Amino acid sequence: MILKRCPYCNSMWVCWNWCHWDLERLVELNPHFTREELENGQWGHECWACSGVNETRDKVCNGMPHWFLVRFFKE
């Protein structure tokens, strides 16, 4: 299994499945976006190395969990 990496800096220190947004709530909070645009980014992933945030439509199965990052991440 290959870990997912940050699309900005290629780091493996990315908190996959860090935040999930309900689509209906996203639509309500972002009236300036279409529903189709919001459907593409319901999961947020923060890179602990470069602080970049990547969004994906689906949950990532082969990523770094938050508890692991808190315990073992070192800059």
N, C-alpha and C. Protein backbone atom coordinates (compact mmCIF):
# COMPACT_ATOMS: atom_id res chain seq x y z
N MET A 1 0.83 -1.18 0.00
CA MET A 1 0.00 0.00 0.00
C MET A 1 0.88 1.25 0.00
N ILE A 2 0.65 2.13 -0.93
CA ILE A 2 1.40 3.37 -1.04
C ILE A 2 0.59 4.48 -0.38
N LEU A 3 1.24 5.23 0.51
CA LEU A 3 0.56 6.35 1.17
C LEU A 3 0.29 7.48 0.20
N LYS A 4 -0.85 8.12 0.36
CA LYS A 4 -1.15 9.32 -0.42
C LYS A 4 -0.20 10.42 0.02
N ARG A 5 0.15 11.29 -0.92
CA ARG A 5 1.10 12.37 -0.64
C ARG A 5 0.48 13.72 -0.97
N CYS A 6 1.09 14.75 -0.42
CA CYS A 6 0.65 16.12 -0.66
C CYS A 6 0.84 16.48 -2.13
N PRO A 7 -0.19 17.02 -2.79
CA PRO A 7 -0.03 17.41 -4.19
C PRO A 7 0.83 18.66 -4.37
N TYR A 8 1.11 19.38 -3.29
CA TYR A 8 1.90 20.61 -3.37
C TYR A 8 3.39 20.37 -3.12
N CYS A 9 3.72 19.58 -2.09
CA CYS A 9 5.15 19.40 -1.75
C CYS A 9 5.58 17.93 -1.74
N ASN A 10 4.68 17.01 -2.04
CA ASN A 10 4.94 15.58 -2.10
C ASN A 10 5.26 14.95 -0.74
N SER A 11 4.93 15.64 0.34
CA SER A 11 5.16 15.11 1.68
C SER A 11 4.17 13.99 2.00
N MET A 12 4.60 13.06 2.84
CA MET A 12 3.68 12.01 3.30
C MET A 12 2.94 12.45 4.56
N TRP A 13 3.32 13.61 5.14
CA TRP A 13 2.73 14.08 6.39
C TRP A 13 1.42 14.83 6.14
N VAL A 14 0.47 14.14 5.54
CA VAL A 14 -0.83 14.73 5.22
C VAL A 14 -1.91 14.06 6.05
N CYS A 15 -2.73 14.87 6.66
CA CYS A 15 -3.83 14.36 7.48
C CYS A 15 -5.01 14.04 6.57
N TRP A 16 -5.07 12.82 6.10
CA TRP A 16 -6.15 12.43 5.21
C TRP A 16 -7.42 12.19 6.01
N ASN A 17 -8.55 12.59 5.41
CA ASN A 17 -9.87 12.49 6.04
C ASN A 17 -9.91 13.32 7.31
N TRP A 18 -9.24 14.48 7.23
CA TRP A 18 -9.14 15.40 8.35
C TRP A 18 -10.47 16.09 8.60
N CYS A 19 -11.20 16.44 7.57
CA CYS A 19 -12.46 17.16 7.75
C CYS A 19 -13.44 16.77 6.66
N HIS A 20 -14.66 16.49 7.04
CA HIS A 20 -15.69 16.13 6.08
C HIS A 20 -16.83 17.13 6.17
N TRP A 21 -17.25 17.63 5.03
CA TRP A 21 -18.35 18.57 4.97
C TRP A 21 -19.57 17.94 4.35
N ASP A 22 -20.70 18.05 5.00
CA ASP A 22 -21.96 17.59 4.46
C ASP A 22 -22.32 18.46 3.25
N LEU A 23 -22.69 17.83 2.15
CA LEU A 23 -22.94 18.57 0.91
C LEU A 23 -24.03 19.61 1.07
N GLU A 24 -25.11 19.29 1.76
CA GLU A 24 -26.20 20.25 1.93
C GLU A 24 -25.73 21.47 2.72
N ARG A 25 -24.89 21.24 3.71
CA ARG A 25 -24.35 22.35 4.51
C ARG A 25 -23.40 23.20 3.66
N LEU A 26 -22.61 22.55 2.82
CA LEU A 26 -21.72 23.28 1.92
C LEU A 26 -22.50 24.19 0.98
N VAL A 27 -23.57 23.66 0.42
CA VAL A 27 -24.41 24.44 -0.50
C VAL A 27 -25.00 25.65 0.22
N GLU A 28 -25.47 25.43 1.43
CA GLU A 28 -26.07 26.50 2.22
C GLU A 28 -25.06 27.60 2.57
N LEU A 29 -23.84 27.20 2.92
CA LEU A 29 -22.82 28.16 3.34
C LEU A 29 -22.08 28.84 2.19
N ASN A 30 -22.20 28.28 0.98
CA ASN A 30 -21.46 28.81 -0.17
C ASN A 30 -22.39 29.07 -1.35
N PRO A 31 -23.25 30.07 -1.25
CA PRO A 31 -24.21 30.33 -2.33
C PRO A 31 -23.57 30.78 -3.64
N HIS A 32 -22.32 31.23 -3.58
CA HIS A 32 -21.61 31.70 -4.78
C HIS A 32 -21.03 30.55 -5.61
N PHE A 33 -21.13 29.30 -5.11
CA PHE A 33 -20.68 28.12 -5.86
C PHE A 33 -21.89 27.29 -6.28
N THR A 34 -21.77 26.61 -7.40
CA THR A 34 -22.84 25.70 -7.82
C THR A 34 -22.72 24.40 -7.04
N ARG A 35 -23.79 23.65 -7.00
CA ARG A 35 -23.79 22.35 -6.32
C ARG A 35 -22.74 21.43 -6.95
N GLU A 36 -22.60 21.48 -8.27
CA GLU A 36 -21.64 20.62 -8.97
C GLU A 36 -20.20 20.94 -8.54
N GLU A 37 -19.89 22.22 -8.38
CA GLU A 37 -18.55 22.60 -7.94
C GLU A 37 -18.28 22.11 -6.52
N LEU A 38 -19.27 22.18 -5.66
CA LEU A 38 -19.10 21.78 -4.27
C LEU A 38 -19.05 20.26 -4.09
N GLU A 39 -19.64 19.52 -5.02
CA GLU A 39 -19.60 18.05 -4.92
C GLU A 39 -18.20 17.50 -5.07
N ASN A 40 -17.30 18.26 -5.69
CA ASN A 40 -15.95 17.77 -5.95
C ASN A 40 -15.00 17.86 -4.77
N GLY A 41 -15.35 18.56 -3.71
CA GLY A 41 -14.42 18.72 -2.59
C GLY A 41 -15.10 18.60 -1.24
N GLN A 42 -15.45 17.39 -0.85
CA GLN A 42 -16.14 17.22 0.42
C GLN A 42 -15.22 16.73 1.54
N TRP A 43 -14.01 16.33 1.20
CA TRP A 43 -13.05 15.90 2.22
C TRP A 43 -11.84 16.80 2.15
N GLY A 44 -11.44 17.38 3.28
CA GLY A 44 -10.27 18.26 3.32
C GLY A 44 -9.08 17.54 3.92
N HIS A 45 -7.91 17.76 3.35
CA HIS A 45 -6.68 17.10 3.80
C HIS A 45 -5.60 18.15 3.98
N GLU A 46 -5.08 18.26 5.19
CA GLU A 46 -4.07 19.28 5.49
C GLU A 46 -2.67 18.66 5.54
N CYS A 47 -1.74 19.27 4.83
CA CYS A 47 -0.35 18.83 4.86
C CYS A 47 0.35 19.51 6.04
N TRP A 48 0.93 18.71 6.91
CA TRP A 48 1.60 19.26 8.08
C TRP A 48 2.99 19.78 7.74
N ALA A 49 3.49 19.49 6.56
CA ALA A 49 4.82 19.96 6.16
C ALA A 49 4.74 21.34 5.50
N CYS A 50 3.76 21.56 4.62
CA CYS A 50 3.69 22.84 3.90
C CYS A 50 2.41 23.62 4.19
N SER A 51 1.50 23.03 4.97
CA SER A 51 0.21 23.64 5.33
C SER A 51 -0.76 23.77 4.18
N GLY A 52 -0.47 23.11 3.06
CA GLY A 52 -1.41 23.11 1.94
C GLY A 52 -2.63 22.28 2.27
N VAL A 53 -3.78 22.67 1.73
CA VAL A 53 -5.01 21.92 1.95
C VAL A 53 -5.51 21.43 0.59
N ASN A 54 -5.74 20.14 0.51
CA ASN A 54 -6.24 19.51 -0.71
C ASN A 54 -7.62 18.96 -0.42
N GLU A 55 -8.52 19.08 -1.36
CA GLU A 55 -9.87 18.55 -1.19
C GLU A 55 -10.13 17.43 -2.19
N THR A 56 -10.81 16.39 -1.73
CA THR A 56 -11.18 15.28 -2.60
C THR A 56 -12.66 14.98 -2.43
N ARG A 57 -13.21 14.32 -3.41
CA ARG A 57 -14.62 13.96 -3.37
C ARG A 57 -14.86 12.81 -2.40
N ASP A 58 -13.96 11.85 -2.36
CA ASP A 58 -14.15 10.66 -1.56
C ASP A 58 -13.14 10.57 -0.42
N LYS A 59 -13.47 9.76 0.56
CA LYS A 59 -12.57 9.50 1.68
C LYS A 59 -11.34 8.74 1.17
N VAL A 60 -10.17 9.07 1.70
CA VAL A 60 -8.93 8.41 1.31
C VAL A 60 -8.68 7.25 2.26
N CYS A 61 -8.43 6.06 1.70
CA CYS A 61 -8.25 4.86 2.53
C CYS A 61 -6.80 4.62 2.92
N ASN A 62 -5.84 5.07 2.12
CA ASN A 62 -4.43 4.78 2.40
C ASN A 62 -3.68 6.07 2.74
N GLY A 63 -4.11 6.70 3.83
CA GLY A 63 -3.49 7.95 4.23
C GLY A 63 -3.01 7.93 5.67
N MET A 64 -2.54 9.07 6.12
CA MET A 64 -1.98 9.24 7.46
C MET A 64 -3.09 9.74 8.39
N PRO A 65 -3.43 8.99 9.43
CA PRO A 65 -4.48 9.44 10.35
C PRO A 65 -3.99 10.56 11.27
N HIS A 66 -4.91 11.38 11.74
CA HIS A 66 -4.57 12.53 12.57
C HIS A 66 -3.84 12.12 13.85
N TRP A 67 -4.31 11.06 14.52
CA TRP A 67 -3.66 10.64 15.77
C TRP A 67 -2.19 10.29 15.55
N PHE A 68 -1.87 9.70 14.40
CA PHE A 68 -0.49 9.34 14.08
C PHE A 68 0.36 10.59 13.89
N LEU A 69 -0.19 11.58 13.17
CA LEU A 69 0.53 12.82 12.95
C LEU A 69 0.84 13.54 14.27
N VAL A 70 -0.16 13.60 15.13
CA VAL A 70 0.04 14.27 16.43
C VAL A 70 1.15 13.59 17.22
N ARG A 71 1.21 12.29 17.15
CA ARG A 71 2.18 11.55 17.94
C ARG A 71 3.59 11.50 17.34
N PHE A 72 3.67 11.39 16.00
CA PHE A 72 4.97 11.11 15.38
C PHE A 72 5.51 12.17 14.43
N PHE A 73 4.72 13.19 14.06
CA PHE A 73 5.23 14.18 13.12
C PHE A 73 6.31 15.04 13.77
N LYS A 74 7.42 15.18 13.07
CA LYS A 74 8.49 16.05 13.52
C LYS A 74 8.99 16.85 12.33
N GLU A 75 9.15 18.16 12.52
CA GLU A 75 9.64 19.01 11.42
C GLU A 75 11.13 18.90 11.31
